[in-house]
Amino acid sequence: MNTITQTKEIPVVGQYDIVVCGGGPSGFVAAIAAARGGANVALIERYGFTGGMATAGLVAPISVFNYNGKRVIGGIPWEFVERLAAIGGAREEQPLGNITYSPEKYKITAQRMLLEAGVTLYFHSYLTGCRKDGDEITHVIIENKSGAQALGAKYFIDCTGDADLSFHAGAPMQPPGKILQPASLIFMLGNVDTDALPMIRHAKQGVNYHDLAMREILEKLREKREVPLFGGPWYCGVLAKGTVVVNMTRVQANMADNREATNAECVLREHVHLFTELLRQNIPAFSEATLLTTAPQTGVRETRRVKGHHTLTGDEYLNAVNFPDAIARGCHPVDIHAAGSTGQRCEFLKSAGFVPYRCLTIPGFPNLIVAGRIFSADGVASASIRVQASVMGIGQAAGAAAALAVKAGVDVSQVDIAELRATLTASGANLSE
C-alpha cells in the first residue's frame, strides 16, 4: 500500500474535564450525567443533532424499559422519555415499556437537556484520531468545516458505536466473530393504512414483533423470483397517522471498514426501493405507500467491542448474575440476526440482566471509559444490551463514573463503586433485583 506523510499543526480549541465522543443514545445521556456530576463536558457528534440510531438510524421503538412488571431502566433515560412525552413526542407501550417516538421531537428534547446541563456541543465534527502521553489520552482530533481541531480533556468517554476512539488509541478489542450480524437500512413510508397493521404496537412481553403474515408472503415470493434476504419484517409508528418506519433490509458487511460499508449502503438503498414496491403490490395496508425517506445512517448491529477488565458473557447475562459493581441493566431479548439467511435467534430473558462497571474500563487506559454497544461483552450478551434503553443506562453510568474520577483525580478503574452506585440509584436507576 502506498502511503503519504502529512505534518501539520492542529489548534487546541477547547480544554475540558470530560470529552464524550458520539451523541447517540449512550453518548448524550453520558454527557448529561457527567455534567450533572459537576464536570466541564464537551460532546462530539458527526451529525448536526444527537440521538444516533434513534434519529439518524430511525431505529424504533426505544426498547426495552420494563420487564416482569417492573421498571428496569430508570434514571436519566426515563427522565428523557418523560420529557419527550411531555411535548407529545413519545408513547409508552405498556406494560413492556417500549417507546414509540417522534424522531424530530427526540432531537430537540435531547438537545435541550444537554444545553440545560451545560454541555458544550461540537456538531458536524468527525473523530479522526487522538494524541496520547504514555498510557493517557490527552487530546482527540476532530475534522469539521473549520478544519482539523483538537480537544483536550482529563477523561474521555467513547460512545462512537464502533469504538473509534478506543481503536485510534490502540485499545485491545474482542476477537472478531467469523461473520458479523448484518446491517439494515431503515426506511419511512407514508400513506400507509396504519389502522390495519397488526404489529405496529410493541406492548407484550415475550413477543417478537415481526409480522408473520407479511413474512410468509415474502418467503413465497422468494420461491418464485429473486428477492433479497430480509429480516422481520418489523415496523413501528412515529406518532403520525399513516406513517411507519420499516426494518427489513439485510446485508452482511463490516461497517467499520469504509469500502465494505460504502458497498453495503449502495446495495441497501436499492433494496429499500425494491421492498417498497413489493409491499405496495402484495400487502393491502401498503397499497398506497410512498417512500418518504431512508435513514441517514445505516443501522449497525455489530462491529468492534473493546476487551475490558471483564468481559460479560452470555451465561452471566442470561442467568442475571448480580455483580457487586453492577451499574446498568438490560431486558431486551438476545437478538442475533443471521447474515446469510432470513433467520434470527430471539431468546427472551427470564430476568433482567446486569452489566458490571469493569466492562466499561480497559487495562492500560487509565482515563478512558466506554459506553454503548462497544462495551466489553461476548456476542450473546451484546446481542441483548446493544439496544437503546440499555445503552442509555450504560451511558449514564459512564458519565457519572467519569465525573467521580474528575473529583477524585483517579484512574477510571479506581472509581469508588459504592459512591457510583449510590449516585446512580439516587437519580432513579434500578440496580437491584
Protein backbone atom coordinates (compact mmCIF):
# COMPACT_ATOMS: atom_id res chain seq x y z
CA MET A 1 0.00 0.00 0.00
CA ASN A 2 1.33 3.42 -0.95
CA THR A 3 1.46 5.98 1.83
CA ILE A 4 1.93 9.71 2.17
CA THR A 5 3.26 11.68 5.13
CA GLN A 6 1.47 14.81 6.28
CA THR A 7 2.63 17.01 9.14
CA LYS A 8 0.54 19.92 10.37
CA GLU A 9 -0.15 21.90 13.49
CA ILE A 10 -3.64 21.42 14.91
CA PRO A 11 -5.15 24.12 17.13
CA VAL A 12 -6.44 23.07 20.54
CA VAL A 13 -9.85 24.74 20.61
CA GLY A 14 -11.06 23.55 23.99
CA GLN A 15 -9.93 22.05 27.28
CA TYR A 16 -12.46 20.09 29.35
CA ASP A 17 -12.76 17.75 32.27
CA ILE A 18 -14.51 15.17 30.07
CA VAL A 19 -14.98 14.78 26.33
CA VAL A 20 -17.71 12.41 25.17
CA CYS A 21 -17.24 11.08 21.64
CA GLY A 22 -20.56 10.26 19.96
CA GLY A 23 -24.01 11.69 20.65
CA GLY A 24 -26.14 8.57 20.22
CA PRO A 25 -28.41 7.17 22.97
CA SER A 26 -25.47 6.30 25.23
CA GLY A 27 -23.43 9.41 24.39
CA PHE A 28 -25.93 12.16 25.02
CA VAL A 29 -27.00 10.53 28.30
CA ALA A 30 -23.35 10.12 29.33
CA ALA A 31 -22.70 13.80 28.67
CA ILE A 32 -25.72 14.88 30.71
CA ALA A 33 -24.76 12.60 33.62
CA ALA A 34 -21.17 13.84 33.61
CA ALA A 35 -22.21 17.49 33.51
CA ARG A 36 -24.75 16.99 36.30
CA GLY A 37 -21.92 15.43 38.28
CA GLY A 38 -20.15 18.79 38.22
CA ALA A 39 -17.75 18.24 35.31
CA ASN A 40 -17.00 20.58 32.43
CA VAL A 41 -18.12 18.45 29.46
CA ALA A 42 -17.91 18.58 25.68
CA LEU A 43 -19.80 16.28 23.29
CA ILE A 44 -18.57 15.49 19.77
CA GLU A 45 -21.17 14.39 17.20
CA ARG A 46 -20.71 13.85 13.46
CA TYR A 47 -24.27 14.88 12.61
CA GLY A 48 -25.99 18.17 13.38
CA PHE A 49 -28.15 16.51 16.04
CA THR A 50 -27.94 13.83 18.70
CA GLY A 51 -29.82 10.55 19.01
CA GLY A 52 -27.72 8.29 16.82
CA MET A 53 -29.61 5.15 15.90
CA ALA A 54 -32.89 6.68 17.12
CA THR A 55 -32.71 9.76 14.91
CA ALA A 56 -30.05 9.19 12.25
CA GLY A 57 -30.90 5.48 12.05
CA LEU A 58 -34.70 5.67 12.62
CA VAL A 59 -34.48 2.56 14.79
CA ALA A 60 -37.81 2.31 16.57
CA PRO A 61 -39.12 1.72 19.16
CA ILE A 62 -36.79 2.66 22.02
CA SER A 63 -36.66 -0.70 23.75
CA VAL A 64 -36.98 -2.06 26.48
CA PHE A 65 -37.55 -0.24 29.81
CA ASN A 66 -39.80 -2.65 31.77
CA TYR A 67 -39.68 -6.38 32.49
CA ASN A 68 -41.65 -8.78 34.67
CA GLY A 69 -43.90 -5.92 35.72
CA LYS A 70 -41.05 -3.70 36.97
CA ARG A 71 -39.24 -0.64 35.67
CA VAL A 72 -35.76 -1.94 34.89
CA ILE A 73 -34.13 1.13 33.35
CA GLY A 74 -34.82 4.45 35.06
CA GLY A 75 -32.74 7.50 35.88
CA ILE A 76 -31.82 9.96 33.13
CA PRO A 77 -33.03 7.61 30.35
CA TRP A 78 -36.54 7.54 31.78
CA GLU A 79 -36.41 11.26 32.57
CA PHE A 80 -35.68 11.78 28.87
CA VAL A 81 -38.72 9.68 27.91
CA GLU A 82 -40.92 11.72 30.26
CA ARG A 83 -39.58 14.98 28.82
CA LEU A 84 -40.21 13.63 25.32
CA ALA A 85 -43.76 12.55 26.20
CA ALA A 86 -44.49 15.97 27.72
CA ILE A 87 -44.15 17.61 24.28
CA GLY A 88 -46.15 14.89 22.52
CA GLY A 89 -43.07 13.06 21.28
CA ALA A 90 -43.36 9.67 22.99
CA ARG A 91 -45.91 6.98 23.79
CA GLU A 92 -45.15 4.18 26.21
CA GLU A 93 -46.31 0.76 25.05
CA GLN A 94 -47.33 -0.70 28.41
CA PRO A 95 -46.54 -2.91 30.19
CA LEU A 96 -43.27 -3.71 28.42
CA GLY A 97 -42.10 -0.11 28.20
CA ASN A 98 -41.15 0.12 24.54
CA ILE A 99 -41.33 3.74 23.44
CA THR A 100 -42.87 4.85 20.16
CA TYR A 101 -41.44 8.30 19.45
CA SER A 102 -41.16 11.23 17.08
CA PRO A 103 -37.57 11.43 15.73
CA GLU A 104 -37.72 15.23 15.44
CA LYS A 105 -39.02 15.70 18.99
CA TYR A 106 -36.36 13.27 20.17
CA LYS A 107 -33.69 15.54 18.66
CA ILE A 108 -34.98 18.71 20.31
CA THR A 109 -35.54 17.07 23.72
CA ALA A 110 -32.02 15.63 23.85
CA GLN A 111 -30.57 18.97 22.72
CA ARG A 112 -32.47 20.87 25.40
CA MET A 113 -31.31 18.51 28.16
CA LEU A 114 -27.69 18.75 27.02
CA LEU A 115 -27.68 22.53 26.89
CA GLU A 116 -29.51 22.81 30.22
CA ALA A 117 -26.78 20.64 31.77
CA GLY A 118 -24.11 22.98 30.39
CA VAL A 119 -22.58 20.59 27.84
CA THR A 120 -20.55 22.20 25.03
CA LEU A 121 -21.59 20.73 21.68
CA TYR A 122 -19.34 20.12 18.68
CA PHE A 123 -21.75 19.14 15.90
CA HIS A 124 -20.75 18.24 12.33
CA SER A 125 -17.44 17.02 13.75
CA TYR A 126 -15.88 13.70 12.80
CA LEU A 127 -13.43 11.99 15.15
CA THR A 128 -10.24 11.24 13.21
CA GLY A 129 -7.67 10.39 15.87
CA CYS A 130 -6.19 11.10 19.27
CA ARG A 131 -2.96 12.07 20.99
CA LYS A 132 -1.52 10.17 23.94
CA ASP A 133 1.08 10.85 26.60
CA GLY A 134 2.15 7.47 27.85
CA ASP A 135 -0.99 5.50 28.68
CA GLU A 136 -3.24 8.55 28.91
CA ILE A 137 -5.19 10.10 26.07
CA THR A 138 -4.58 13.84 26.15
CA HIS A 139 -6.50 15.06 23.10
CA VAL A 140 -8.95 13.90 20.48
CA ILE A 141 -8.66 15.15 16.91
CA ILE A 142 -11.79 16.15 15.01
CA GLU A 143 -12.42 17.43 11.49
CA ASN A 144 -15.17 19.89 10.58
CA LYS A 145 -15.73 22.93 8.37
CA SER A 146 -13.14 24.79 10.45
CA GLY A 147 -10.52 22.18 9.58
CA ALA A 148 -8.66 19.91 11.98
CA GLN A 149 -9.15 20.75 15.67
CA ALA A 150 -8.03 19.22 18.95
CA LEU A 151 -9.95 18.97 22.21
CA GLY A 152 -8.08 18.28 25.41
CA ALA A 153 -9.55 16.60 28.48
CA LYS A 154 -8.71 14.79 31.68
CA TYR A 155 -11.04 11.91 30.81
CA PHE A 156 -12.70 10.60 27.66
CA ILE A 157 -15.83 8.53 27.06
CA ASP A 158 -16.09 6.52 23.83
CA CYS A 159 -19.71 6.31 22.71
CA THR A 160 -18.99 6.08 18.99
CA GLY A 161 -20.79 2.78 18.39
CA ASP A 162 -17.78 1.38 16.52
CA ALA A 163 -15.19 2.03 19.27
CA ASP A 164 -13.48 4.63 17.07
CA LEU A 165 -11.68 6.43 19.89
CA SER A 166 -10.62 3.18 21.54
CA PHE A 167 -9.40 1.89 18.17
CA HIS A 168 -7.37 5.05 17.47
CA ALA A 169 -5.90 4.85 20.97
CA GLY A 170 -4.78 1.25 20.45
CA ALA A 171 -7.14 -0.39 22.93
CA PRO A 172 -7.50 -4.19 22.75
CA MET A 173 -10.65 -5.49 21.05
CA GLN A 174 -12.74 -8.61 21.40
CA PRO A 175 -11.78 -11.21 18.80
CA PRO A 176 -13.98 -10.65 15.75
CA GLY A 177 -16.69 -13.17 15.01
CA LYS A 178 -16.45 -15.26 11.86
CA ILE A 179 -19.46 -13.44 10.42
CA LEU A 180 -20.80 -10.16 11.78
CA GLN A 181 -24.51 -9.59 12.12
CA PRO A 182 -25.97 -7.86 9.05
CA ALA A 183 -26.60 -4.14 8.74
CA SER A 184 -30.07 -2.76 7.98
CA LEU A 185 -31.17 0.48 6.34
CA ILE A 186 -34.49 1.54 7.84
CA PHE A 187 -36.93 3.47 5.69
CA MET A 188 -40.00 5.58 6.38
CA LEU A 189 -43.24 5.12 4.42
CA GLY A 190 -46.23 7.44 4.22
CA ASN A 191 -49.82 6.83 3.09
CA VAL A 192 -49.91 3.53 4.98
CA ASP A 193 -53.15 2.21 6.47
CA THR A 194 -51.71 2.12 9.97
CA ASP A 195 -55.07 1.12 11.46
CA ALA A 196 -54.83 -2.17 9.55
CA LEU A 197 -51.32 -3.09 10.68
CA PRO A 198 -51.45 -5.71 13.47
CA MET A 199 -47.86 -5.31 14.68
CA ILE A 200 -47.44 -1.54 14.91
CA ARG A 201 -47.65 -1.56 18.71
CA HIS A 202 -44.96 -3.25 20.81
CA ALA A 203 -46.50 -3.91 24.19
CA LYS A 204 -46.40 -7.58 25.20
CA GLN A 205 -43.53 -9.34 26.91
CA GLY A 206 -42.21 -12.46 25.20
CA VAL A 207 -43.36 -11.48 21.70
CA ASN A 208 -41.14 -10.98 18.67
CA TYR A 209 -42.92 -8.18 16.84
CA HIS A 210 -42.18 -9.28 13.30
CA ASP A 211 -45.21 -9.57 11.02
CA LEU A 212 -45.57 -13.30 10.39
CA ALA A 213 -48.22 -12.88 7.70
CA MET A 214 -46.05 -10.44 5.78
CA ARG A 215 -43.05 -12.70 6.26
CA GLU A 216 -44.91 -15.68 4.80
CA ILE A 217 -45.87 -13.66 1.71
CA LEU A 218 -42.26 -12.54 1.19
CA GLU A 219 -40.91 -16.09 1.63
CA LYS A 220 -43.34 -17.35 -1.03
CA LEU A 221 -42.25 -14.57 -3.35
CA ARG A 222 -38.63 -15.66 -2.86
CA GLU A 223 -39.54 -19.09 -4.21
CA LYS A 224 -40.77 -17.54 -7.46
CA ARG A 225 -38.40 -14.64 -8.07
CA GLU A 226 -35.22 -13.03 -6.87
CA VAL A 227 -35.99 -11.28 -3.59
CA PRO A 228 -33.13 -10.08 -1.35
CA LEU A 229 -32.60 -11.50 2.10
CA PHE A 230 -34.72 -9.74 4.68
CA GLY A 231 -35.31 -9.69 8.40
CA GLY A 232 -38.59 -9.50 10.26
CA PRO A 233 -40.28 -7.51 8.87
CA TRP A 234 -40.68 -5.14 11.79
CA TYR A 235 -42.32 -1.75 11.66
CA CYS A 236 -43.24 0.95 14.11
CA GLY A 237 -45.23 4.17 14.14
CA VAL A 238 -43.71 7.60 14.63
CA LEU A 239 -46.81 9.16 16.25
CA ALA A 240 -48.09 10.37 12.86
CA LYS A 241 -51.09 8.63 11.33
CA GLY A 242 -50.28 6.86 8.08
CA THR A 243 -46.50 6.87 8.66
CA VAL A 244 -44.31 3.92 9.66
CA VAL A 245 -40.63 3.08 9.79
CA VAL A 246 -39.79 -0.33 8.35
CA ASN A 247 -36.92 -2.55 9.45
CA MET A 248 -36.39 -5.41 6.97
CA THR A 249 -33.33 -4.86 4.77
CA ARG A 250 -30.32 -7.06 5.48
CA VAL A 251 -26.77 -7.06 4.10
CA GLN A 252 -23.71 -8.59 5.71
CA ALA A 253 -20.72 -6.23 5.90
CA ASN A 254 -18.10 -4.97 8.30
CA MET A 255 -19.46 -1.46 8.73
CA ALA A 256 -16.21 -0.35 10.37
CA ASP A 257 -14.48 -0.90 7.01
CA ASN A 258 -15.08 2.01 4.64
CA ARG A 259 -15.08 0.00 1.41
CA GLU A 260 -17.45 -2.64 2.76
CA ALA A 261 -19.70 -0.01 4.31
CA THR A 262 -19.93 2.02 1.12
CA ASN A 263 -20.86 -1.03 -0.94
CA ALA A 264 -23.41 -2.11 1.67
CA GLU A 265 -25.06 1.33 1.68
CA CYS A 266 -25.48 1.21 -2.11
CA VAL A 267 -26.96 -2.30 -2.03
CA LEU A 268 -29.28 -1.49 0.88
CA ARG A 269 -30.64 1.62 -0.82
CA GLU A 270 -31.54 -0.43 -3.90
CA HIS A 271 -33.24 -2.96 -1.66
CA VAL A 272 -35.31 -0.25 0.05
CA HIS A 273 -36.88 0.72 -3.28
CA LEU A 274 -37.44 -2.92 -4.22
CA PHE A 275 -39.07 -3.77 -0.89
CA THR A 276 -41.25 -0.67 -1.04
CA GLU A 277 -42.67 -1.88 -4.35
CA LEU A 278 -43.11 -5.43 -3.05
CA LEU A 279 -45.06 -4.12 -0.06
CA ARG A 280 -47.22 -1.93 -2.30
CA GLN A 281 -48.02 -4.82 -4.61
CA ASN A 282 -48.63 -7.55 -2.04
CA ILE A 283 -49.74 -6.07 1.29
CA PRO A 284 -53.12 -4.22 1.26
CA ALA A 285 -52.16 -1.85 4.08
CA PHE A 286 -49.21 -0.64 1.96
CA SER A 287 -51.01 -0.42 -1.39
CA GLU A 288 -50.80 3.40 -1.48
CA ALA A 289 -47.49 3.69 0.39
CA THR A 290 -44.91 6.26 -0.65
CA LEU A 291 -41.24 6.25 0.31
CA LEU A 292 -40.65 9.36 2.43
CA THR A 293 -37.01 8.87 3.37
CA THR A 294 -34.28 6.39 4.12
CA ALA A 295 -32.36 6.78 7.36
CA PRO A 296 -29.25 8.98 7.03
CA GLN A 297 -27.35 6.26 8.91
CA THR A 298 -27.49 2.53 8.23
CA GLY A 299 -28.32 0.56 11.34
CA VAL A 300 -25.28 -1.35 12.58
CA ARG A 301 -25.69 -4.24 15.00
CA GLU A 302 -22.10 -5.35 15.44
CA THR A 303 -18.58 -4.12 14.71
CA ARG A 304 -15.82 -3.57 17.29
CA ARG A 305 -16.15 -4.23 21.02
CA VAL A 306 -13.38 -3.48 23.49
CA LYS A 307 -11.69 -6.05 25.71
CA GLY A 308 -12.14 -4.60 29.17
CA HIS A 309 -11.26 -5.58 32.70
CA HIS A 310 -14.18 -8.02 32.50
CA THR A 311 -16.00 -9.46 29.51
CA LEU A 312 -19.68 -10.04 30.20
CA THR A 313 -20.64 -13.49 28.96
CA GLY A 314 -23.96 -14.69 27.68
CA ASP A 315 -24.20 -17.18 30.55
CA GLU A 316 -23.66 -14.45 33.14
CA TYR A 317 -26.19 -12.18 31.49
CA LEU A 318 -28.87 -14.79 30.82
CA ASN A 319 -28.56 -16.04 34.40
CA ALA A 320 -28.91 -12.46 35.72
CA VAL A 321 -25.70 -12.59 37.75
CA ASN A 322 -25.85 -9.54 40.03
CA PHE A 323 -22.27 -8.28 40.22
CA PRO A 324 -21.00 -6.22 43.17
CA ASP A 325 -20.12 -3.47 40.67
CA ALA A 326 -23.32 -3.68 38.62
CA ILE A 327 -24.08 -0.24 37.19
CA ALA A 328 -26.67 -0.90 34.47
CA ARG A 329 -29.37 -3.36 33.41
CA GLY A 330 -30.77 -4.91 30.26
CA CYS A 331 -34.01 -6.72 29.44
CA HIS A 332 -34.24 -6.92 25.66
CA PRO A 333 -34.16 -10.45 24.24
CA VAL A 334 -30.90 -11.82 22.88
CA ASP A 335 -31.33 -10.78 19.25
CA ILE A 336 -28.89 -12.27 16.75
CA HIS A 337 -29.69 -11.73 13.07
CA ALA A 338 -28.40 -14.25 10.54
CA ALA A 339 -26.17 -12.78 7.86
CA GLY A 340 -26.77 -15.47 5.25
CA SER A 341 -30.47 -16.18 5.63
CA THR A 342 -33.72 -14.60 6.79
CA GLY A 343 -33.27 -16.24 10.19
CA GLN A 344 -32.91 -14.78 13.67
CA ARG A 345 -32.08 -16.06 17.14
CA CYS A 346 -34.51 -14.41 19.53
CA GLU A 347 -34.10 -15.62 23.12
CA PHE A 348 -36.18 -13.97 25.84
CA LEU A 349 -34.78 -13.42 29.32
CA LYS A 350 -36.19 -14.93 32.48
CA SER A 351 -35.00 -11.92 34.47
CA ALA A 352 -33.36 -8.62 33.59
CA GLY A 353 -29.58 -8.88 33.40
CA PHE A 354 -26.79 -6.78 34.91
CA VAL A 355 -23.74 -5.00 33.49
CA PRO A 356 -20.67 -4.60 35.75
CA TYR A 357 -18.60 -1.42 35.69
CA ARG A 358 -15.47 -3.45 34.86
CA CYS A 359 -16.90 -3.91 31.34
CA LEU A 360 -16.59 -0.15 30.72
CA THR A 361 -12.89 0.18 31.54
CA ILE A 362 -9.81 -1.22 29.80
CA PRO A 363 -6.48 -2.31 31.32
CA GLY A 364 -3.76 0.19 30.48
CA PHE A 365 -6.15 3.03 29.59
CA PRO A 366 -6.50 4.99 32.84
CA ASN A 367 -8.63 7.89 31.54
CA LEU A 368 -10.91 6.12 29.03
CA ILE A 369 -14.41 4.80 29.68
CA VAL A 370 -16.61 3.19 27.04
CA ALA A 371 -20.38 3.06 26.73
CA GLY A 372 -22.94 1.85 24.22
CA ARG A 373 -22.68 -1.35 22.23
CA ILE A 374 -18.86 -1.27 22.26
CA PHE A 375 -18.59 -2.27 25.95
CA SER A 376 -16.74 -5.46 26.86
CA ALA A 377 -19.12 -8.35 26.22
CA ASP A 378 -19.31 -11.51 24.18
CA GLY A 379 -21.59 -11.82 21.16
CA VAL A 380 -24.54 -13.20 23.13
CA ALA A 381 -24.62 -10.62 25.92
CA SER A 382 -24.01 -7.81 23.44
CA ALA A 383 -26.87 -9.01 21.26
CA SER A 384 -29.29 -8.07 24.04
CA ILE A 385 -27.71 -5.00 25.61
CA ARG A 386 -26.88 -3.17 22.35
CA VAL A 387 -30.42 -1.73 22.14
CA GLN A 388 -31.27 1.86 23.01
CA ALA A 389 -32.74 1.74 26.51
CA SER A 390 -29.92 -0.50 27.75
CA VAL A 391 -27.13 1.62 26.29
CA MET A 392 -28.75 4.75 27.71
CA GLY A 393 -28.35 3.18 31.15
CA ILE A 394 -24.73 2.29 30.43
CA GLY A 395 -24.17 5.85 29.21
CA GLN A 396 -25.49 7.29 32.46
CA ALA A 397 -23.13 5.05 34.42
CA ALA A 398 -20.15 6.04 32.26
CA GLY A 399 -20.89 9.75 32.64
CA ALA A 400 -21.40 9.53 36.39
CA ALA A 401 -18.21 7.49 36.79
CA ALA A 402 -16.16 9.97 34.77
CA ALA A 403 -17.43 12.86 36.90
CA LEU A 404 -16.43 10.99 40.07
CA ALA A 405 -13.00 10.29 38.57
CA VAL A 406 -12.56 14.02 37.90
CA LYS A 407 -13.36 14.86 41.52
CA ALA A 408 -11.08 12.18 42.94
CA GLY A 409 -8.34 12.51 40.31
CA VAL A 410 -8.09 8.74 39.94
CA ASP A 411 -7.72 6.10 37.25
CA VAL A 412 -11.19 5.25 35.90
CA SER A 413 -10.77 1.70 37.18
CA GLN A 414 -10.32 3.09 40.71
CA VAL A 415 -13.64 4.95 40.89
CA ASP A 416 -15.42 4.30 44.20
CA ILE A 417 -18.06 1.76 43.17
CA ALA A 418 -20.23 2.28 46.23
CA GLU A 419 -20.33 6.02 45.53
CA LEU A 420 -21.03 5.41 41.85
CA ARG A 421 -23.91 3.05 42.57
CA ALA A 422 -25.30 5.45 45.17
CA THR A 423 -25.12 8.30 42.63
CA LEU A 424 -26.96 6.23 40.04
CA THR A 425 -29.70 4.98 42.37
CA ALA A 426 -30.21 8.50 43.74
CA SER A 427 -31.02 9.59 40.17
CA GLY A 428 -33.57 6.81 39.74
CA ALA A 429 -31.51 3.98 38.26
CA ASN A 430 -32.59 0.47 39.28
CA LEU A 431 -29.60 -1.66 40.22
CA SER A 432 -31.42 -4.18 42.41
CA GLU A 433 -33.42 -7.32 41.75
